[in-house]
Amino acid sequence: MARGGQGLARVAVVVRAGAAPLWWFGVFAAGIGVLLPGLTGRRIGVMAGAALFILAAVVVAYTRRKRYAALVRSAARASKQDVLQDRAVTVHNWRRGHRWWLLLAFVAALASSFAVPAAGGMLLAGAGVGLWLKAGWLGRRERAEEALIWVRVDWLGRRVGAPAGKPVKACRSTGVAAGDAAPGGARRR
């Protein structure tokens, strides 16, 4: 890292990093869970799962939006010495830091299928969709501001998962062409 510079990770990439694993673990857990009759029966389990899916997606998508908006508005321009972290590195670090939590969530979703078939898996999948929605919202903000939003890597915490947490005091911004991820955290085409 250059003298005086900071390692920076994209906020939208950090938010989006957990979407795919949560979605796929949820889909697999729901698929396996629907094969079990459970205590409530499949019909009730799937209907409860659908409600949990929608609830999780909405709650995850709208949680902490005011904090994200405040950080975006107050973002200072990144300096030339700042080092921008690649999208793949950010995603890898997030998934590595959360691998045990993801595995535990998958096991819990499977175990819940013995009581309410498919509901736990659909809850996980809904959380994944909520993260995609939140990353999309951040992408629209970045396009409107014509600036990509970055956060210091050392402020993200040990598991690289809190881009709007208490340690984050401010964000940095760059032009929309910086880095290897498009607005919203998706791969640049």
Protein backbone atom coordinates (compact mmCIF):
# COMPACT_ATOMS: atom_id res chain seq x y z
CA MET A 1 0.00 0.00 0.00
CA ALA A 2 1.30 3.45 -0.85
CA ARG A 3 2.43 5.71 1.98
CA GLY A 4 -0.51 7.66 3.39
CA GLY A 5 -3.09 5.63 1.46
CA GLN A 6 -5.83 3.36 2.74
CA GLY A 7 -7.08 0.01 1.52
CA LEU A 8 -10.64 0.57 0.32
CA ALA A 9 -13.43 -1.93 -0.41
CA ARG A 10 -16.64 -1.16 -2.30
CA VAL A 11 -19.67 -0.84 -0.02
CA ALA A 12 -22.06 -2.36 -2.59
CA VAL A 13 -19.72 -5.33 -3.16
CA VAL A 14 -19.59 -6.06 0.59
CA VAL A 15 -23.40 -5.90 0.78
CA ARG A 16 -23.83 -8.09 -2.31
CA ALA A 17 -21.19 -10.68 -1.27
CA GLY A 18 -23.58 -12.62 0.93
CA ALA A 19 -26.53 -12.64 -1.47
CA ALA A 20 -25.55 -15.64 -3.61
CA PRO A 21 -24.52 -17.96 -0.76
CA LEU A 22 -27.67 -17.16 1.23
CA TRP A 23 -29.83 -17.65 -1.86
CA TRP A 24 -28.30 -21.00 -2.85
CA PHE A 25 -28.13 -22.40 0.69
CA GLY A 26 -31.76 -21.34 1.11
CA VAL A 27 -32.85 -22.94 -2.16
CA PHE A 28 -31.09 -26.21 -1.31
CA ALA A 29 -32.45 -26.25 2.26
CA ALA A 30 -35.99 -25.53 1.01
CA GLY A 31 -35.68 -28.17 -1.72
CA ILE A 32 -34.57 -30.81 0.75
CA GLY A 33 -37.03 -29.61 3.37
CA VAL A 34 -40.03 -29.91 1.07
CA LEU A 35 -39.31 -33.64 0.81
CA LEU A 36 -39.95 -34.02 4.56
CA PRO A 37 -43.54 -34.14 5.79
CA GLY A 38 -42.72 -32.21 9.00
CA LEU A 39 -45.03 -31.59 11.94
CA THR A 40 -47.15 -28.99 10.17
CA GLY A 41 -47.30 -30.63 6.75
CA ARG A 42 -45.83 -29.47 3.45
CA ARG A 43 -48.63 -27.08 2.50
CA ILE A 44 -48.45 -25.07 5.71
CA GLY A 45 -44.65 -25.20 5.66
CA VAL A 46 -44.42 -23.81 2.13
CA MET A 47 -47.00 -21.10 2.85
CA ALA A 48 -45.17 -20.09 6.04
CA GLY A 49 -41.91 -20.17 4.08
CA ALA A 50 -43.35 -17.87 1.42
CA ALA A 51 -44.38 -15.37 4.10
CA LEU A 52 -40.93 -15.61 5.72
CA PHE A 53 -39.27 -15.17 2.31
CA ILE A 54 -41.12 -11.91 1.67
CA LEU A 55 -40.60 -10.67 5.23
CA ALA A 56 -36.86 -11.43 5.18
CA ALA A 57 -36.38 -9.81 1.78
CA VAL A 58 -38.14 -6.61 2.87
CA VAL A 59 -36.44 -6.38 6.27
CA VAL A 60 -32.94 -7.03 4.90
CA ALA A 61 -33.44 -4.66 1.94
CA TYR A 62 -34.62 -1.75 4.10
CA THR A 63 -32.47 -2.18 7.22
CA ARG A 64 -29.97 0.66 7.84
CA ARG A 65 -30.85 2.58 4.68
CA LYS A 66 -30.63 5.90 6.52
CA ARG A 67 -27.11 5.07 7.68
CA TYR A 68 -26.05 4.08 4.15
CA ALA A 69 -27.60 7.25 2.72
CA ALA A 70 -25.80 9.43 5.28
CA LEU A 71 -22.47 7.74 4.48
CA VAL A 72 -23.03 8.21 0.74
CA ARG A 73 -23.87 11.91 1.17
CA SER A 74 -20.81 12.57 3.33
CA ALA A 75 -18.33 10.60 1.20
CA ALA A 76 -15.02 12.38 0.64
CA ARG A 77 -13.06 12.01 -2.57
CA ALA A 78 -10.50 9.16 -2.45
CA SER A 79 -6.88 10.22 -2.77
CA LYS A 80 -4.42 8.95 -5.35
CA GLN A 81 -2.58 6.98 -2.64
CA ASP A 82 -5.68 4.94 -1.71
CA VAL A 83 -5.60 1.32 -2.87
CA LEU A 84 -8.87 0.03 -4.30
CA GLN A 85 -9.56 -3.60 -3.45
CA ASP A 86 -10.66 -5.87 -6.30
CA ARG A 87 -14.23 -7.17 -6.28
CA ALA A 88 -13.07 -10.80 -6.15
CA VAL A 89 -10.88 -10.12 -3.09
CA THR A 90 -13.73 -8.40 -1.24
CA VAL A 91 -16.18 -11.23 -2.02
CA HIS A 92 -13.62 -13.88 -1.05
CA ASN A 93 -12.84 -12.15 2.25
CA TRP A 94 -16.55 -11.76 3.10
CA ARG A 95 -17.35 -15.39 2.34
CA ARG A 96 -14.28 -16.64 4.18
CA GLY A 97 -15.19 -14.55 7.23
CA HIS A 98 -18.78 -15.82 7.25
CA ARG A 99 -18.35 -19.44 6.13
CA TRP A 100 -19.20 -20.92 9.54
CA TRP A 101 -22.23 -18.67 9.96
CA LEU A 102 -23.46 -19.67 6.50
CA LEU A 103 -22.98 -23.36 7.28
CA LEU A 104 -24.74 -22.97 10.63
CA ALA A 105 -27.65 -21.16 8.97
CA PHE A 106 -27.93 -23.93 6.36
CA VAL A 107 -27.96 -26.64 9.04
CA ALA A 108 -30.55 -24.70 11.07
CA ALA A 109 -32.75 -24.29 7.97
CA LEU A 110 -32.53 -28.02 7.29
CA ALA A 111 -33.27 -28.89 10.91
CA SER A 112 -36.31 -26.59 10.96
CA SER A 113 -37.76 -28.60 8.07
CA PHE A 114 -38.55 -31.42 10.48
CA ALA A 115 -41.08 -29.07 12.08
CA VAL A 116 -42.06 -26.68 9.26
CA PRO A 117 -40.99 -28.03 5.84
CA ALA A 118 -39.09 -25.61 3.57
CA ALA A 119 -39.73 -22.53 5.76
CA GLY A 120 -36.16 -22.12 7.06
CA GLY A 121 -34.69 -22.46 3.58
CA MET A 122 -37.10 -19.92 2.17
CA LEU A 123 -36.17 -17.54 4.99
CA LEU A 124 -32.48 -17.85 4.01
CA ALA A 125 -33.27 -17.34 0.34
CA GLY A 126 -35.31 -14.25 1.23
CA ALA A 127 -32.35 -12.79 3.10
CA GLY A 128 -30.22 -13.33 -0.01
CA VAL A 129 -32.79 -11.55 -2.18
CA GLY A 130 -32.89 -8.70 0.34
CA LEU A 131 -29.13 -8.26 0.02
CA TRP A 132 -29.44 -8.15 -3.78
CA LEU A 133 -32.17 -5.52 -3.46
CA LYS A 134 -30.06 -3.44 -1.08
CA ALA A 135 -27.04 -3.66 -3.42
CA GLY A 136 -29.28 -2.58 -6.30
CA TRP A 137 -30.51 0.39 -4.26
CA LEU A 138 -26.91 1.34 -3.51
CA GLY A 139 -26.12 1.02 -7.22
CA ARG A 140 -28.93 3.42 -8.12
CA ARG A 141 -27.59 5.90 -5.54
CA GLU A 142 -24.10 5.54 -6.98
CA ARG A 143 -25.39 6.19 -10.51
CA ALA A 144 -27.37 9.23 -9.32
CA GLU A 145 -24.34 10.64 -7.49
CA GLU A 146 -22.04 9.55 -10.35
CA ALA A 147 -19.64 8.19 -7.74
CA LEU A 148 -18.73 4.74 -6.43
CA ILE A 149 -18.71 4.47 -2.62
CA TRP A 150 -15.77 2.83 -0.82
CA VAL A 151 -15.06 2.07 2.84
CA ARG A 152 -11.75 1.48 4.59
CA VAL A 153 -10.99 -2.23 4.83
CA ASP A 154 -9.76 -1.98 8.43
CA TRP A 155 -13.15 -0.52 9.47
CA LEU A 156 -15.10 -3.52 8.11
CA GLY A 157 -14.21 -5.71 11.08
CA ARG A 158 -12.71 -9.14 11.35
CA ARG A 159 -15.30 -10.83 9.15
CA VAL A 160 -15.51 -8.01 6.57
CA GLY A 161 -19.24 -7.69 6.94
CA ALA A 162 -20.31 -4.31 8.32
CA PRO A 163 -19.99 -1.57 5.68
CA ALA A 164 -22.33 0.66 7.70
CA GLY A 165 -21.34 -0.50 11.19
CA LYS A 166 -20.26 1.67 14.12
CA PRO A 167 -16.51 1.61 13.27
CA VAL A 168 -17.26 3.15 9.86
CA LYS A 169 -16.94 6.88 10.36
CA ALA A 170 -16.90 7.97 6.73
CA CYS A 171 -16.72 6.68 3.18
CA ARG A 172 -14.66 7.63 0.17
CA SER A 173 -15.86 8.13 -3.37
CA THR A 174 -14.36 7.68 -6.80
CA GLY A 175 -15.61 8.10 -10.33
CA VAL A 176 -17.87 5.41 -11.76
CA ALA A 177 -15.05 3.99 -13.91
CA ALA A 178 -12.83 3.14 -10.90
CA GLY A 179 -12.40 -0.44 -9.78
CA ASP A 180 -13.57 -3.64 -11.41
CA ALA A 181 -17.21 -3.62 -10.24
CA ALA A 182 -20.14 -1.76 -11.71
CA PRO A 183 -22.50 0.40 -9.61
CA GLY A 184 -24.37 -1.98 -7.29
CA GLY A 185 -21.41 -4.34 -6.88
CA ALA A 186 -21.96 -6.59 -9.92
CA ARG A 187 -19.10 -7.59 -12.21
CA ARG A 188 -18.26 -4.91 -14.72
CA ARG A 189 -19.00 -5.98 -18.32
